[in-house]
């Protein structure tokens, strides 16, 4: 079956004894003959917020792509409004949700292409599970002052500008998506969050990417990946902010595609 012909769908998984519905879509080449790349979105992202990047990326490099919205995002099951995520929420996604989702989707040993929080989740999953490789775009390994300041500014914009309306186009419950992410990042106890030691067991190839003008983290984030995972290749993009797939899509598509194909 040609994955590119499939429409957005849903997969039902069980997480901690509760049923969760995950919005997902296959794009690109048939998955029975091409490496599978799983796209993991940012803290305010969703399947639709990737726009055409996964489809174009997979078509350009003859790859199969699996795109989905995490729990609490997009058209997936919303977070309950009284549910507060703990500082280990990314580890739970990596260790509990992803294995259940991959089992339901029939995915084995994929490439992980993660952005921001999704990049951190990708690295955490690769540290404990067998994957072909990781492309971590603007990942977070620890909390920096610049990250907290930008996330606080995002909250102000959400509550005083049209940001909420714009995000609502991508999330069934936009408040669930926004505050789930924003509350935990701004919580005082989250300042101690650090996954540098946790990723040291990664054995697969890693490409760590960041824009020079990233407002959510310094280049120390990807340099820390390289220090802890020696086989890491670094890619620093000029004239690029926190979202290289939007700011420098051609460069990211070219270099990430080269990396995946050369290691597949």
Protein backbone atom coordinates (compact mmCIF):
# COMPACT_ATOMS: atom_id res chain seq x y z
CA UNK A 1 0.00 0.00 0.00
CA UNK A 2 1.31 3.45 -0.88
CA UNK A 3 1.53 5.37 2.38
CA UNK A 4 1.23 8.71 0.56
CA UNK A 5 -2.34 7.83 -0.37
CA UNK A 6 -3.48 7.43 3.22
CA UNK A 7 -5.56 10.16 4.84
CA UNK A 8 -5.05 11.34 8.42
CA UNK A 9 -6.27 8.65 10.79
CA UNK A 10 -6.32 7.71 14.46
CA UNK A 11 -4.71 4.96 16.48
CA UNK A 12 -6.02 3.89 19.87
CA UNK A 13 -3.45 2.98 22.51
CA UNK A 14 -3.54 2.26 26.21
CA UNK A 15 -1.46 4.52 28.43
CA UNK A 16 -1.35 3.90 32.18
CA UNK A 17 -4.68 2.11 32.03
CA UNK A 18 -6.52 4.80 30.08
CA UNK A 19 -7.47 4.79 26.40
CA UNK A 20 -5.72 7.46 24.32
CA UNK A 21 -6.55 8.32 20.71
CA UNK A 22 -3.58 9.52 18.64
CA UNK A 23 -3.97 11.52 15.42
CA UNK A 24 -1.53 10.23 12.80
CA UNK A 25 -0.72 10.13 9.10
CA UNK A 26 1.61 8.17 6.82
CA UNK A 27 3.38 10.13 4.09
CA UNK A 28 6.02 9.44 1.47
CA UNK A 29 7.20 6.12 0.09
CA UNK A 30 5.66 2.72 0.85
CA UNK A 31 6.90 1.69 4.28
CA UNK A 32 7.59 -1.89 3.18
CA UNK A 33 10.51 -0.73 1.00
CA UNK A 34 11.80 2.50 2.57
CA UNK A 35 13.25 3.52 5.93
CA UNK A 36 10.56 4.89 8.26
CA UNK A 37 11.06 8.36 9.72
CA UNK A 38 8.87 9.29 12.71
CA UNK A 39 8.31 13.04 13.14
CA UNK A 40 7.97 14.29 16.74
CA UNK A 41 6.65 17.84 17.07
CA UNK A 42 7.55 20.71 19.37
CA UNK A 43 5.88 21.78 22.62
CA UNK A 44 3.14 23.72 20.85
CA UNK A 45 3.11 21.60 17.69
CA UNK A 46 0.86 19.02 16.12
CA UNK A 47 0.59 16.95 12.98
CA UNK A 48 -0.81 19.88 11.02
CA UNK A 49 1.77 22.38 12.30
CA UNK A 50 4.53 20.51 10.46
CA UNK A 51 2.66 21.65 7.33
CA UNK A 52 4.20 20.07 4.21
CA UNK A 53 7.69 19.51 5.58
CA UNK A 54 7.39 15.75 6.37
CA UNK A 55 5.71 15.02 3.04
CA UNK A 56 8.25 17.04 1.04
CA UNK A 57 11.19 15.63 3.01
CA UNK A 58 10.13 12.02 2.50
CA UNK A 59 9.31 12.53 -1.18
CA UNK A 60 12.70 14.13 -1.81
CA UNK A 61 14.65 11.29 -0.20
CA UNK A 62 12.34 8.33 -0.94
CA UNK A 63 11.52 7.73 2.71
CA UNK A 64 8.36 6.68 4.52
CA UNK A 65 7.14 9.16 7.12
CA UNK A 66 4.90 8.75 10.15
CA UNK A 67 3.57 12.03 11.56
CA UNK A 68 1.41 12.25 14.69
CA UNK A 69 0.07 14.58 17.36
CA UNK A 70 1.10 13.70 20.90
CA UNK A 71 -1.44 13.22 23.65
CA UNK A 72 -2.88 16.65 24.47
CA UNK A 73 -2.21 18.10 21.01
CA UNK A 74 -3.86 18.41 17.63
CA UNK A 75 -6.82 16.06 17.24
CA UNK A 76 -5.42 13.55 19.72
CA UNK A 77 -7.06 13.03 23.11
CA UNK A 78 -6.84 16.36 25.00
CA UNK A 79 -5.18 16.72 28.36
CA UNK A 80 -7.66 17.06 31.21
CA UNK A 81 -7.63 20.68 32.40
CA UNK A 82 -6.88 19.62 35.99
CA UNK A 83 -4.00 17.39 34.86
CA UNK A 84 -0.62 18.95 35.53
CA UNK A 85 2.36 17.42 33.80
CA UNK A 86 5.40 16.59 35.92
CA UNK A 87 9.01 17.49 34.96
CA UNK A 88 9.53 13.95 33.62
CA UNK A 89 6.75 14.30 31.02
CA UNK A 90 9.17 13.92 28.10
CA UNK A 91 10.65 10.74 29.59
CA UNK A 92 7.15 9.32 29.93
CA UNK A 93 6.46 10.05 26.29
CA UNK A 94 9.73 8.39 25.31
CA UNK A 95 9.47 5.32 27.55
CA UNK A 96 5.74 4.67 27.72
CA UNK A 97 3.77 6.33 24.92
CA UNK A 98 6.13 5.82 21.97
CA UNK A 99 6.52 2.05 22.45
CA UNK A 100 2.74 1.64 22.64
CA UNK A 101 2.24 3.84 19.59
CA UNK A 102 4.90 2.06 17.55
CA UNK A 103 3.38 -1.31 18.42
CA UNK A 104 -0.05 -0.12 17.29
CA UNK A 105 1.36 1.34 14.06
CA UNK A 106 3.58 -1.64 13.27
CA UNK A 107 6.76 0.45 13.38
CA UNK A 108 10.09 -1.20 14.17
CA UNK A 109 13.51 0.45 14.48
CA UNK A 110 12.56 3.82 12.95
CA UNK A 111 14.51 6.98 12.39
CA UNK A 112 13.34 9.68 14.82
CA UNK A 113 13.09 13.27 13.57
CA UNK A 114 12.26 15.43 16.57
CA UNK A 115 11.90 19.19 16.98
CA UNK A 116 12.37 21.03 20.31
CA UNK A 117 10.57 18.96 23.00
CA UNK A 118 10.15 16.34 20.29
CA UNK A 119 13.93 16.31 19.83
CA UNK A 120 14.41 15.69 23.55
CA UNK A 121 11.84 12.88 23.45
CA UNK A 122 13.62 11.36 20.45
CA UNK A 123 16.97 11.36 22.28
CA UNK A 124 15.45 9.87 25.43
CA UNK A 125 13.76 7.11 23.43
CA UNK A 126 16.96 6.31 21.53
CA UNK A 127 18.83 5.97 24.84
CA UNK A 128 16.59 3.08 25.87
CA UNK A 129 15.19 1.56 22.67
CA UNK A 130 16.52 0.26 19.37
CA UNK A 131 16.22 2.93 16.67
CA UNK A 132 18.02 3.44 13.36
CA UNK A 133 19.09 7.00 14.20
CA UNK A 134 18.01 10.42 15.42
CA UNK A 135 17.73 13.85 13.87
CA UNK A 136 17.32 16.16 16.87
CA UNK A 137 16.36 19.70 15.80
CA UNK A 138 16.69 22.38 18.51
CA UNK A 139 16.47 19.81 21.32
CA UNK A 140 16.56 20.68 25.02
CA UNK A 141 18.92 18.86 27.38
CA UNK A 142 18.69 21.31 30.27
CA UNK A 143 16.86 24.51 31.17
CA UNK A 144 18.44 27.87 30.33
CA UNK A 145 17.38 31.36 31.35
CA UNK A 146 16.76 32.26 27.71
CA UNK A 147 14.37 29.32 27.39
CA UNK A 148 12.33 30.32 30.43
CA UNK A 149 12.20 33.96 29.31
CA UNK A 150 10.94 33.04 25.85
CA UNK A 151 8.37 30.61 27.24
CA UNK A 152 7.12 33.28 29.65
CA UNK A 153 6.84 35.67 26.71
CA UNK A 154 4.85 33.03 24.81
CA UNK A 155 2.38 32.93 27.69
CA UNK A 156 1.98 36.69 27.58
CA UNK A 157 1.39 36.54 23.83
CA UNK A 158 -1.11 33.70 24.21
CA UNK A 159 -3.15 35.70 26.71
CA UNK A 160 -2.92 39.15 25.09
CA UNK A 161 -2.54 38.70 21.32
CA UNK A 162 -4.06 36.59 18.55
CA UNK A 163 -1.68 33.68 19.24
CA UNK A 164 -4.46 31.65 20.86
CA UNK A 165 -6.68 32.07 17.81
CA UNK A 166 -3.87 31.04 15.44
CA UNK A 167 -2.98 27.96 17.49
CA UNK A 168 -6.65 26.97 17.73
CA UNK A 169 -6.54 26.09 14.02
CA UNK A 170 -4.23 23.21 14.91
CA UNK A 171 -5.62 21.92 18.23
CA UNK A 172 -9.09 20.68 19.17
CA UNK A 173 -8.48 21.94 22.72
CA UNK A 174 -5.98 24.75 22.38
CA UNK A 175 -5.89 25.57 26.11
CA UNK A 176 -5.04 21.95 26.90
CA UNK A 177 -2.18 22.04 24.42
CA UNK A 178 -0.78 25.42 25.47
CA UNK A 179 -1.00 25.24 29.24
CA UNK A 180 0.11 21.62 29.42
CA UNK A 181 3.42 22.68 27.89
CA UNK A 182 3.69 26.18 29.32
CA UNK A 183 2.82 25.37 32.93
CA UNK A 184 5.41 22.63 33.30
CA UNK A 185 8.21 24.63 31.64
CA UNK A 186 7.54 27.62 33.92
CA UNK A 187 7.22 25.55 37.10
CA UNK A 188 10.05 26.26 39.59
CA UNK A 189 10.76 22.54 39.98
CA UNK A 190 11.42 22.23 36.25
CA UNK A 191 14.53 24.42 36.47
CA UNK A 192 16.50 21.38 37.69
CA UNK A 193 15.44 19.21 34.73
CA UNK A 194 18.47 17.80 32.90
CA UNK A 195 18.81 14.76 30.61
CA UNK A 196 22.53 14.97 29.74
CA UNK A 197 23.45 11.81 31.65
CA UNK A 198 20.38 9.95 30.41
CA UNK A 199 21.36 10.15 26.74
CA UNK A 200 24.88 8.78 27.19
CA UNK A 201 23.72 5.25 26.28
CA UNK A 202 22.71 6.24 22.72
CA UNK A 203 24.55 4.05 20.22
CA UNK A 204 22.83 5.03 16.95
CA UNK A 205 23.86 7.89 14.60
CA UNK A 206 22.71 11.33 15.75
CA UNK A 207 22.44 14.60 13.83
CA UNK A 208 21.90 17.55 16.18
CA UNK A 209 20.67 20.73 14.48
CA UNK A 210 20.13 24.26 15.77
CA UNK A 211 19.69 27.75 14.40
CA UNK A 212 22.16 30.45 15.42
CA UNK A 213 19.28 32.76 16.34
CA UNK A 214 17.29 30.28 18.44
CA UNK A 215 15.38 32.25 21.08
CA UNK A 216 14.59 29.11 23.10
CA UNK A 217 18.11 27.82 23.69
CA UNK A 218 21.79 28.47 23.08
CA UNK A 219 24.11 26.33 20.97
CA UNK A 220 25.26 24.71 24.22
CA UNK A 221 22.23 22.46 23.87
CA UNK A 222 23.51 20.63 20.78
CA UNK A 223 27.13 20.89 21.92
CA UNK A 224 26.08 19.00 25.03
CA UNK A 225 24.59 16.29 22.81
CA UNK A 226 27.95 15.92 21.06
CA UNK A 227 29.85 15.78 24.36
CA UNK A 228 27.62 13.02 25.71
CA UNK A 229 27.12 11.10 22.43
CA UNK A 230 30.48 11.17 20.59
CA UNK A 231 29.13 9.90 17.25
CA UNK A 232 26.93 13.01 16.96
CA UNK A 233 27.24 15.22 13.89
CA UNK A 234 26.42 18.91 14.47
CA UNK A 235 24.67 21.24 12.06
CA UNK A 236 24.44 24.96 12.94
CA UNK A 237 22.25 27.01 10.61
CA UNK A 238 22.79 30.75 10.14
CA UNK A 239 19.87 33.16 9.79
CA UNK A 240 17.71 30.60 11.55
CA UNK A 241 15.64 30.64 14.72
CA UNK A 242 14.02 27.87 16.78
CA UNK A 243 12.24 26.22 13.84
CA UNK A 244 14.70 25.30 11.07
CA UNK A 245 12.00 23.41 9.15
CA UNK A 246 10.28 26.77 8.70
CA UNK A 247 13.26 29.17 8.64
CA UNK A 248 15.72 27.08 6.59
CA UNK A 249 13.69 24.18 5.16
CA UNK A 250 15.89 23.56 2.11
CA UNK A 251 19.10 23.35 4.16
CA UNK A 252 17.52 21.13 6.80
CA UNK A 253 15.92 18.91 4.18
CA UNK A 254 19.19 18.51 2.31
CA UNK A 255 21.47 17.83 5.30
CA UNK A 256 19.07 15.68 7.32
CA UNK A 257 18.21 13.68 4.21
CA UNK A 258 21.89 13.15 3.44
CA UNK A 259 22.49 12.00 7.00
CA UNK A 260 19.63 9.50 7.03
CA UNK A 261 20.36 8.07 3.60
CA UNK A 262 24.08 7.74 4.29
CA UNK A 263 23.39 5.80 7.51
CA UNK A 264 20.55 3.64 6.23
